N, C-alpha and C. Protein backbone atom coordinates (compact mmCIF):
# COMPACT_ATOMS: atom_id res chain seq x y z
N MET A 1 83.26 118.28 65.95
CA MET A 1 84.06 117.49 66.88
C MET A 1 83.63 117.77 68.27
N THR A 2 83.38 116.69 69.03
CA THR A 2 82.88 116.87 70.39
C THR A 2 83.97 117.24 71.39
N LYS A 3 83.58 117.76 72.50
CA LYS A 3 84.52 118.15 73.51
C LYS A 3 85.39 116.94 73.96
N LYS A 4 84.79 115.80 74.14
CA LYS A 4 85.52 114.61 74.60
C LYS A 4 86.58 114.24 73.55
N SER A 5 86.18 114.21 72.30
CA SER A 5 87.17 113.87 71.25
C SER A 5 88.26 114.93 71.14
N ARG A 6 87.95 116.15 71.31
CA ARG A 6 88.98 117.21 71.31
C ARG A 6 89.97 117.04 72.46
N ILE A 7 89.46 116.67 73.64
CA ILE A 7 90.35 116.40 74.76
C ILE A 7 91.22 115.17 74.45
N HIS A 8 90.66 114.12 73.91
CA HIS A 8 91.38 112.90 73.63
C HIS A 8 92.38 113.08 72.49
N LEU A 9 92.22 114.09 71.62
CA LEU A 9 93.12 114.26 70.56
C LEU A 9 94.17 115.37 70.84
N PHE A 10 93.77 116.54 71.22
CA PHE A 10 94.63 117.67 71.32
C PHE A 10 95.55 117.73 72.57
N VAL A 11 95.01 117.23 73.73
CA VAL A 11 95.79 117.22 74.95
C VAL A 11 96.95 116.23 74.83
N PRO A 12 96.72 115.00 74.42
CA PRO A 12 97.89 114.10 74.32
C PRO A 12 98.86 114.51 73.21
N LEU A 13 98.31 115.08 72.08
CA LEU A 13 99.16 115.54 70.99
C LEU A 13 100.09 116.71 71.52
N THR A 14 99.52 117.59 72.28
CA THR A 14 100.31 118.70 72.83
C THR A 14 101.34 118.18 73.81
N LEU A 15 100.92 117.25 74.70
CA LEU A 15 101.86 116.69 75.70
C LEU A 15 102.97 115.90 75.05
N LEU A 16 102.65 115.12 74.00
CA LEU A 16 103.67 114.41 73.20
C LEU A 16 104.66 115.36 72.61
N THR A 17 104.15 116.45 71.99
CA THR A 17 105.03 117.47 71.39
C THR A 17 105.97 118.09 72.45
N ALA A 18 105.40 118.40 73.59
CA ALA A 18 106.22 118.98 74.68
C ALA A 18 107.26 117.95 75.14
N LEU A 19 106.87 116.73 75.30
CA LEU A 19 107.82 115.71 75.69
C LEU A 19 108.99 115.56 74.75
N LEU A 20 108.62 115.56 73.40
CA LEU A 20 109.66 115.44 72.39
C LEU A 20 110.55 116.71 72.38
N PHE A 21 109.96 117.90 72.50
CA PHE A 21 110.73 119.10 72.51
C PHE A 21 111.63 119.28 73.69
N ASP A 22 111.26 118.64 74.85
CA ASP A 22 112.18 118.62 75.98
C ASP A 22 113.48 117.95 75.58
N GLY A 23 113.35 116.85 74.91
CA GLY A 23 114.58 116.11 74.44
C GLY A 23 115.34 116.84 73.33
N ILE A 24 114.60 117.47 72.41
CA ILE A 24 115.24 118.20 71.35
C ILE A 24 115.98 119.38 71.86
N ILE A 25 115.36 120.12 72.77
CA ILE A 25 116.10 121.29 73.38
C ILE A 25 117.30 120.85 74.14
N ALA A 26 117.21 119.80 74.90
CA ALA A 26 118.40 119.26 75.66
C ALA A 26 119.48 118.85 74.67
N SER A 27 119.13 118.27 73.55
CA SER A 27 120.14 117.78 72.61
C SER A 27 120.76 119.00 71.81
N VAL A 28 119.93 119.80 71.27
CA VAL A 28 120.40 120.87 70.40
C VAL A 28 121.18 121.93 71.17
N PHE A 29 120.69 122.26 72.32
CA PHE A 29 121.30 123.38 73.16
C PHE A 29 122.08 122.82 74.33
N SER A 30 122.63 121.61 74.18
CA SER A 30 123.35 121.00 75.34
C SER A 30 124.52 121.81 75.82
N THR A 31 125.26 122.44 74.94
CA THR A 31 126.48 123.23 75.35
C THR A 31 126.03 124.51 76.12
N GLN A 32 124.89 125.03 75.81
CA GLN A 32 124.40 126.20 76.52
C GLN A 32 123.69 125.85 77.82
N LEU A 33 122.95 124.77 77.87
CA LEU A 33 122.19 124.38 79.01
C LEU A 33 123.02 123.65 80.12
N TYR A 34 124.00 122.91 79.68
CA TYR A 34 124.77 122.13 80.65
C TYR A 34 126.23 122.68 80.63
N THR A 35 126.48 123.56 81.56
CA THR A 35 127.88 124.16 81.65
C THR A 35 128.49 123.64 82.93
N ALA A 36 129.73 124.12 83.16
CA ALA A 36 130.45 123.71 84.37
C ALA A 36 129.80 124.30 85.64
N THR A 37 129.10 125.41 85.51
CA THR A 37 128.51 126.03 86.70
C THR A 37 127.03 125.85 86.77
N SER A 38 126.32 125.37 85.78
CA SER A 38 124.86 125.21 85.89
C SER A 38 124.34 124.15 84.94
N ASP A 39 123.25 123.58 85.36
CA ASP A 39 122.50 122.66 84.59
C ASP A 39 121.04 123.18 84.46
N MET A 40 120.58 123.49 83.26
CA MET A 40 119.19 123.92 83.03
C MET A 40 118.49 122.79 82.36
N VAL A 41 117.40 122.46 82.91
CA VAL A 41 116.57 121.30 82.41
C VAL A 41 115.26 121.87 81.91
N SER A 42 114.99 121.60 80.61
CA SER A 42 113.74 122.00 80.02
C SER A 42 112.62 121.12 80.57
N ARG A 43 111.54 121.68 81.03
CA ARG A 43 110.39 120.97 81.51
C ARG A 43 109.12 121.46 80.85
N LEU A 44 109.13 121.43 79.48
CA LEU A 44 107.96 121.84 78.75
C LEU A 44 106.72 121.03 79.02
N ILE A 45 106.95 119.74 79.27
CA ILE A 45 105.80 118.86 79.53
C ILE A 45 105.15 119.27 80.84
N ILE A 46 105.89 119.71 81.80
CA ILE A 46 105.30 120.11 83.10
C ILE A 46 104.57 121.43 82.92
N ILE A 47 105.09 122.27 82.11
CA ILE A 47 104.39 123.57 81.80
C ILE A 47 103.02 123.28 81.20
N CYS A 48 103.03 122.39 80.19
CA CYS A 48 101.72 122.05 79.53
C CYS A 48 100.83 121.31 80.45
N ILE A 49 101.35 120.45 81.34
CA ILE A 49 100.52 119.74 82.28
C ILE A 49 99.91 120.74 83.27
N VAL A 50 100.64 121.66 83.80
CA VAL A 50 100.11 122.61 84.75
C VAL A 50 99.03 123.51 84.04
N LEU A 51 99.32 123.96 82.84
CA LEU A 51 98.36 124.79 82.16
C LEU A 51 97.06 124.05 81.86
N PHE A 52 97.19 122.81 81.32
CA PHE A 52 96.03 122.01 81.00
C PHE A 52 95.21 121.68 82.27
N SER A 53 95.93 121.52 83.44
CA SER A 53 95.25 121.19 84.64
C SER A 53 94.29 122.27 85.14
N PHE A 54 94.54 123.44 84.71
CA PHE A 54 93.66 124.56 85.07
C PHE A 54 92.42 124.64 84.21
N TYR A 55 92.43 123.98 83.07
CA TYR A 55 91.30 124.16 82.11
C TYR A 55 90.60 122.84 81.73
N VAL A 56 91.33 121.68 81.82
CA VAL A 56 90.76 120.43 81.35
C VAL A 56 90.36 119.65 82.63
N ASP A 57 89.32 118.81 82.50
CA ASP A 57 88.81 118.03 83.64
C ASP A 57 89.91 117.14 84.25
N ARG A 58 89.89 117.07 85.58
CA ARG A 58 90.96 116.40 86.31
C ARG A 58 90.98 114.91 85.96
N LYS A 59 89.85 114.26 85.73
CA LYS A 59 89.90 112.80 85.45
C LYS A 59 90.69 112.51 84.15
N TYR A 60 90.55 113.35 83.16
CA TYR A 60 91.31 113.18 81.94
C TYR A 60 92.77 113.49 82.16
N MET A 61 93.09 114.50 82.93
CA MET A 61 94.45 114.95 83.15
C MET A 61 95.23 113.90 83.94
N ILE A 62 94.54 113.31 84.97
CA ILE A 62 95.25 112.27 85.80
C ILE A 62 95.60 111.05 84.90
N LEU A 63 94.70 110.70 84.04
CA LEU A 63 95.00 109.58 83.09
C LEU A 63 96.13 109.93 82.16
N PHE A 64 96.12 111.15 81.62
CA PHE A 64 97.17 111.57 80.73
C PHE A 64 98.50 111.71 81.52
N GLY A 65 98.43 112.11 82.80
CA GLY A 65 99.62 112.25 83.60
C GLY A 65 100.30 110.92 83.80
N ILE A 66 99.48 109.89 84.10
CA ILE A 66 100.05 108.52 84.28
C ILE A 66 100.66 108.03 82.98
N LEU A 67 99.90 108.19 81.88
CA LEU A 67 100.35 107.71 80.58
C LEU A 67 101.65 108.41 80.15
N PHE A 68 101.67 109.74 80.25
CA PHE A 68 102.87 110.50 79.83
C PHE A 68 103.99 110.34 80.84
N GLY A 69 103.67 110.14 82.07
CA GLY A 69 104.73 109.86 83.12
C GLY A 69 105.45 108.54 82.79
N LEU A 70 104.65 107.57 82.45
CA LEU A 70 105.22 106.28 82.06
C LEU A 70 106.07 106.40 80.78
N LEU A 71 105.58 107.16 79.81
CA LEU A 71 106.32 107.42 78.59
C LEU A 71 107.58 108.14 78.89
N TYR A 72 107.51 109.16 79.71
CA TYR A 72 108.67 109.98 80.08
C TYR A 72 109.71 109.13 80.75
N ASP A 73 109.26 108.32 81.73
CA ASP A 73 110.17 107.41 82.46
C ASP A 73 110.82 106.42 81.49
N SER A 74 110.13 105.87 80.58
CA SER A 74 110.70 104.84 79.71
C SER A 74 111.63 105.52 78.63
N TYR A 75 111.28 106.76 78.22
CA TYR A 75 112.06 107.36 77.14
C TYR A 75 113.32 108.08 77.64
N TYR A 76 113.16 108.75 78.79
CA TYR A 76 114.29 109.59 79.28
C TYR A 76 115.05 109.06 80.52
N VAL A 77 114.26 108.45 81.42
CA VAL A 77 114.87 108.06 82.71
C VAL A 77 115.39 106.66 82.80
N GLY A 78 114.52 105.70 82.45
CA GLY A 78 114.88 104.33 82.53
C GLY A 78 114.53 103.71 83.86
N ILE A 79 114.05 104.49 84.79
CA ILE A 79 113.52 103.94 86.10
C ILE A 79 112.03 104.25 86.07
N LEU A 80 111.24 103.23 85.85
CA LEU A 80 109.81 103.35 85.76
C LEU A 80 109.21 103.76 87.15
N GLY A 81 108.36 104.71 87.13
CA GLY A 81 107.63 105.06 88.32
C GLY A 81 107.85 106.48 88.83
N LEU A 82 109.01 107.05 88.51
CA LEU A 82 109.28 108.37 89.06
C LEU A 82 108.28 109.40 88.51
N TYR A 83 108.32 109.63 87.22
CA TYR A 83 107.44 110.60 86.63
C TYR A 83 105.99 110.13 86.55
N THR A 84 105.85 108.81 86.50
CA THR A 84 104.51 108.19 86.48
C THR A 84 103.77 108.50 87.77
N SER A 85 104.44 108.71 88.81
CA SER A 85 103.82 109.09 90.08
C SER A 85 103.84 110.65 90.26
N LEU A 86 104.92 111.32 89.80
CA LEU A 86 104.99 112.76 90.02
C LEU A 86 104.03 113.55 89.14
N PHE A 87 103.78 113.14 87.89
CA PHE A 87 102.86 113.95 87.02
C PHE A 87 101.41 113.94 87.58
N PRO A 88 100.86 112.82 88.03
CA PRO A 88 99.52 112.87 88.59
C PRO A 88 99.45 113.72 89.92
N ILE A 89 100.52 113.66 90.68
CA ILE A 89 100.56 114.51 91.89
C ILE A 89 100.48 115.95 91.50
N ILE A 90 101.27 116.36 90.47
CA ILE A 90 101.28 117.78 89.99
C ILE A 90 99.89 118.16 89.52
N ILE A 91 99.27 117.22 88.80
CA ILE A 91 97.90 117.51 88.27
C ILE A 91 96.94 117.68 89.41
N TYR A 92 96.99 116.86 90.41
CA TYR A 92 96.08 116.89 91.56
C TYR A 92 96.30 118.25 92.32
N LEU A 93 97.59 118.55 92.54
CA LEU A 93 97.86 119.82 93.30
C LEU A 93 97.41 121.06 92.49
N SER A 94 97.63 121.03 91.20
CA SER A 94 97.15 122.09 90.29
C SER A 94 95.64 122.24 90.35
N ASP A 95 94.95 121.12 90.31
CA ASP A 95 93.54 121.19 90.36
C ASP A 95 93.03 121.72 91.67
N LYS A 96 93.64 121.36 92.78
CA LYS A 96 93.25 121.90 94.06
C LYS A 96 93.57 123.44 94.12
N MET A 97 94.67 123.85 93.55
CA MET A 97 95.00 125.31 93.56
C MET A 97 94.04 126.08 92.61
N ARG A 98 93.62 125.46 91.55
CA ARG A 98 92.67 126.07 90.66
C ARG A 98 91.41 126.52 91.36
N LYS A 99 90.97 125.69 92.30
CA LYS A 99 89.72 125.97 93.07
C LYS A 99 89.89 127.16 94.00
N ILE A 100 91.09 127.45 94.39
CA ILE A 100 91.36 128.51 95.35
C ILE A 100 91.85 129.80 94.65
N LEU A 101 92.66 129.64 93.62
CA LEU A 101 93.34 130.81 92.99
C LEU A 101 92.77 131.08 91.62
N ASN A 102 92.80 132.34 91.21
CA ASN A 102 92.41 132.73 89.87
C ASN A 102 93.59 132.47 88.90
N PRO A 103 93.39 131.67 87.85
CA PRO A 103 94.48 131.30 87.01
C PRO A 103 94.94 132.42 86.07
N ASN A 104 95.70 133.38 86.56
CA ASN A 104 96.31 134.37 85.67
C ASN A 104 97.80 134.04 85.52
N LEU A 105 98.46 134.83 84.72
CA LEU A 105 99.87 134.53 84.40
C LEU A 105 100.75 134.48 85.70
N LEU A 106 100.59 135.46 86.54
CA LEU A 106 101.42 135.51 87.74
C LEU A 106 101.24 134.31 88.62
N VAL A 107 99.96 133.95 88.82
CA VAL A 107 99.64 132.77 89.65
C VAL A 107 100.21 131.49 89.01
N ILE A 108 100.08 131.32 87.70
CA ILE A 108 100.57 130.13 87.00
C ILE A 108 102.11 130.12 87.10
N VAL A 109 102.82 131.22 87.02
CA VAL A 109 104.23 131.26 87.17
C VAL A 109 104.66 130.80 88.57
N MET A 110 104.01 131.25 89.56
CA MET A 110 104.26 130.84 90.94
C MET A 110 103.99 129.34 91.16
N ILE A 111 102.93 128.91 90.62
CA ILE A 111 102.54 127.48 90.73
C ILE A 111 103.59 126.61 90.00
N LEU A 112 103.97 127.06 88.85
CA LEU A 112 105.01 126.34 88.07
C LEU A 112 106.32 126.30 88.89
N ILE A 113 106.70 127.37 89.49
CA ILE A 113 107.94 127.41 90.27
C ILE A 113 107.85 126.41 91.44
N ILE A 114 106.67 126.37 92.05
CA ILE A 114 106.48 125.41 93.21
C ILE A 114 106.52 124.01 92.66
N HIS A 115 105.88 123.72 91.56
CA HIS A 115 105.82 122.34 91.08
C HIS A 115 107.22 121.88 90.55
N ILE A 116 107.87 122.74 89.82
CA ILE A 116 109.22 122.27 89.37
C ILE A 116 110.17 122.13 90.53
N SER A 117 110.11 123.03 91.51
CA SER A 117 110.92 122.90 92.72
C SER A 117 110.62 121.55 93.40
N LEU A 118 109.32 121.25 93.50
CA LEU A 118 108.95 119.97 94.11
C LEU A 118 109.48 118.78 93.38
N ILE A 119 109.32 118.77 92.07
CA ILE A 119 109.77 117.67 91.21
C ILE A 119 111.27 117.54 91.31
N GLU A 120 112.00 118.65 91.08
CA GLU A 120 113.48 118.57 91.06
C GLU A 120 114.03 118.12 92.42
N THR A 121 113.42 118.67 93.49
CA THR A 121 113.91 118.28 94.84
C THR A 121 113.64 116.85 95.17
N LEU A 122 112.43 116.38 94.77
CA LEU A 122 112.11 114.90 95.02
C LEU A 122 112.97 114.06 94.16
N LEU A 123 113.25 114.40 92.93
CA LEU A 123 114.17 113.64 92.12
C LEU A 123 115.59 113.60 92.66
N TYR A 124 116.00 114.79 93.12
CA TYR A 124 117.37 114.84 93.72
C TYR A 124 117.40 113.91 94.98
N GLY A 125 116.42 114.00 95.78
CA GLY A 125 116.37 113.12 97.00
C GLY A 125 116.36 111.65 96.61
N PHE A 126 115.58 111.28 95.62
CA PHE A 126 115.56 109.86 95.15
C PHE A 126 116.90 109.45 94.69
N TYR A 127 117.49 110.34 93.75
CA TYR A 127 118.83 109.95 93.22
C TYR A 127 119.92 109.91 94.31
N SER A 128 119.74 110.72 95.30
CA SER A 128 120.76 110.70 96.42
C SER A 128 120.61 109.37 97.20
N VAL A 129 119.37 108.93 97.41
CA VAL A 129 119.19 107.71 98.18
C VAL A 129 119.76 106.54 97.44
N ILE A 130 119.68 106.47 96.16
CA ILE A 130 120.14 105.33 95.40
C ILE A 130 121.52 105.62 94.85
N ASP A 131 122.21 106.68 95.30
CA ASP A 131 123.59 107.00 94.95
C ASP A 131 123.77 107.26 93.41
N LEU A 132 122.87 107.89 92.78
CA LEU A 132 123.06 108.26 91.41
C LEU A 132 123.51 109.73 91.25
N THR A 133 123.55 110.44 92.33
CA THR A 133 124.04 111.79 92.29
C THR A 133 125.11 111.96 93.42
N ALA A 134 126.09 112.78 93.11
CA ALA A 134 127.17 112.99 94.13
C ALA A 134 127.28 114.44 94.55
N ILE A 135 126.35 115.32 94.07
CA ILE A 135 126.47 116.71 94.38
C ILE A 135 125.73 117.03 95.72
N ASP A 136 126.23 117.99 96.40
CA ASP A 136 125.71 118.46 97.65
C ASP A 136 124.35 119.20 97.42
N PHE A 137 123.48 119.31 98.42
CA PHE A 137 122.20 119.91 98.24
C PHE A 137 122.27 121.41 97.90
N SER A 138 123.30 122.07 98.49
CA SER A 138 123.48 123.50 98.21
C SER A 138 123.91 123.73 96.76
N VAL A 139 124.74 122.81 96.29
CA VAL A 139 125.20 122.88 94.90
C VAL A 139 123.99 122.58 93.98
N PHE A 140 123.13 121.65 94.35
CA PHE A 140 121.96 121.35 93.59
C PHE A 140 121.09 122.60 93.51
N LEU A 141 120.82 123.28 94.63
CA LEU A 141 120.02 124.44 94.63
C LEU A 141 120.56 125.54 93.77
N ALA A 142 121.88 125.81 93.81
CA ALA A 142 122.48 126.92 93.06
C ALA A 142 122.70 126.54 91.59
N ASN A 143 123.14 125.37 91.35
CA ASN A 143 123.57 125.04 89.96
C ASN A 143 122.48 124.33 89.12
N ARG A 144 121.53 123.74 89.80
CA ARG A 144 120.53 123.02 89.03
C ARG A 144 119.11 123.63 89.18
N LEU A 145 118.65 123.77 90.36
CA LEU A 145 117.29 124.23 90.60
C LEU A 145 117.08 125.69 90.16
N GLY A 146 117.94 126.58 90.54
CA GLY A 146 117.79 127.96 90.09
C GLY A 146 117.76 128.20 88.67
N PRO A 147 118.76 127.70 87.91
CA PRO A 147 118.75 127.86 86.49
C PRO A 147 117.54 127.18 85.75
N THR A 148 117.17 126.03 86.30
CA THR A 148 116.03 125.31 85.72
C THR A 148 114.76 126.11 85.92
N LEU A 149 114.53 126.73 87.09
CA LEU A 149 113.41 127.51 87.33
C LEU A 149 113.39 128.74 86.40
N LEU A 150 114.51 129.37 86.18
CA LEU A 150 114.63 130.50 85.33
C LEU A 150 114.28 130.16 83.91
N LEU A 151 114.89 129.11 83.39
CA LEU A 151 114.63 128.67 82.01
C LEU A 151 113.15 128.36 81.81
N ASN A 152 112.58 127.61 82.70
CA ASN A 152 111.18 127.20 82.55
C ASN A 152 110.17 128.34 82.75
N SER A 153 110.58 129.31 83.56
CA SER A 153 109.71 130.52 83.73
C SER A 153 109.74 131.29 82.40
N ILE A 154 110.84 131.37 81.73
CA ILE A 154 110.89 132.01 80.42
C ILE A 154 110.07 131.24 79.41
N PHE A 155 110.21 129.94 79.43
CA PHE A 155 109.40 129.09 78.51
C PHE A 155 107.88 129.29 78.78
N LEU A 156 107.53 129.40 80.08
CA LEU A 156 106.12 129.65 80.39
C LEU A 156 105.64 130.95 79.86
N LEU A 157 106.50 132.00 79.96
CA LEU A 157 106.06 133.28 79.46
C LEU A 157 105.75 133.26 77.93
N VAL A 158 106.50 132.41 77.22
CA VAL A 158 106.38 132.28 75.80
C VAL A 158 105.14 131.41 75.47
N LEU A 159 104.92 130.33 76.23
CA LEU A 159 103.88 129.39 75.91
C LEU A 159 102.57 129.59 76.60
N TYR A 160 102.50 130.56 77.53
CA TYR A 160 101.29 130.71 78.36
C TYR A 160 100.01 130.99 77.47
N TYR A 161 100.09 132.01 76.68
CA TYR A 161 98.85 132.39 75.92
C TYR A 161 98.51 131.38 74.86
N PRO A 162 99.46 130.81 74.05
CA PRO A 162 99.06 129.81 73.07
C PRO A 162 98.44 128.57 73.72
N VAL A 163 99.04 128.02 74.78
CA VAL A 163 98.57 126.81 75.40
C VAL A 163 97.23 127.14 76.13
N LYS A 164 97.11 128.27 76.73
CA LYS A 164 95.85 128.63 77.38
C LYS A 164 94.73 128.74 76.34
N LYS A 165 94.99 129.36 75.21
CA LYS A 165 93.93 129.49 74.16
C LYS A 165 93.57 128.13 73.66
N LEU A 166 94.56 127.21 73.46
CA LEU A 166 94.29 125.85 73.04
C LEU A 166 93.42 125.12 74.07
N ALA A 167 93.75 125.26 75.34
CA ALA A 167 92.98 124.58 76.39
C ALA A 167 91.58 125.10 76.50
N ILE A 168 91.38 126.42 76.32
CA ILE A 168 90.07 127.00 76.31
C ILE A 168 89.22 126.52 75.09
N ALA A 169 89.92 126.48 73.92
CA ALA A 169 89.28 125.99 72.72
C ALA A 169 88.88 124.51 72.81
N ILE A 170 89.68 123.69 73.48
CA ILE A 170 89.39 122.30 73.61
C ILE A 170 88.11 122.12 74.50
N MET A 171 88.02 122.97 75.52
CA MET A 171 86.93 122.83 76.47
C MET A 171 85.60 123.49 76.06
N GLN A 172 85.66 124.22 74.92
CA GLN A 172 84.42 124.84 74.42
C GLN A 172 83.36 123.81 74.12
N ASP A 173 82.15 124.10 74.41
CA ASP A 173 81.05 123.17 74.06
C ASP A 173 80.62 123.31 72.61
């Protein structure tokens, strides 16, 4: 199997699995994730996108980012364009950071925290502008962003080595 065919097969399959598991986790663990004092949002697809962005060519990842952003928008959000534009931005930023930073676990955790903070804050701002959210920014930071960062950092610690090994195996000649 060639490198190009491995990229075209395994990256989208992994991203699709992450996209579906985001919904499954939200559904199965809804009473634990969404309480009166906090909302934790699973972002497995962003974890996979960030990890793949460090190992897979940017041109493929931008295309997959647009495709899976559109899929994410249509499946979960209903407003087309939010994740369709955010995923390629995350991929571009990750690719630029890859050239500067050594991709080890600590660096990836910090980059993931930055990216999820960026995405959640931009989504909060967008939803505030169109009046789809009524919570204050300080409440958003304490009840949504903090718990979401903690949950996804734990997910990253679990998924880092398997997804990294997969990405390296995909890119082997």
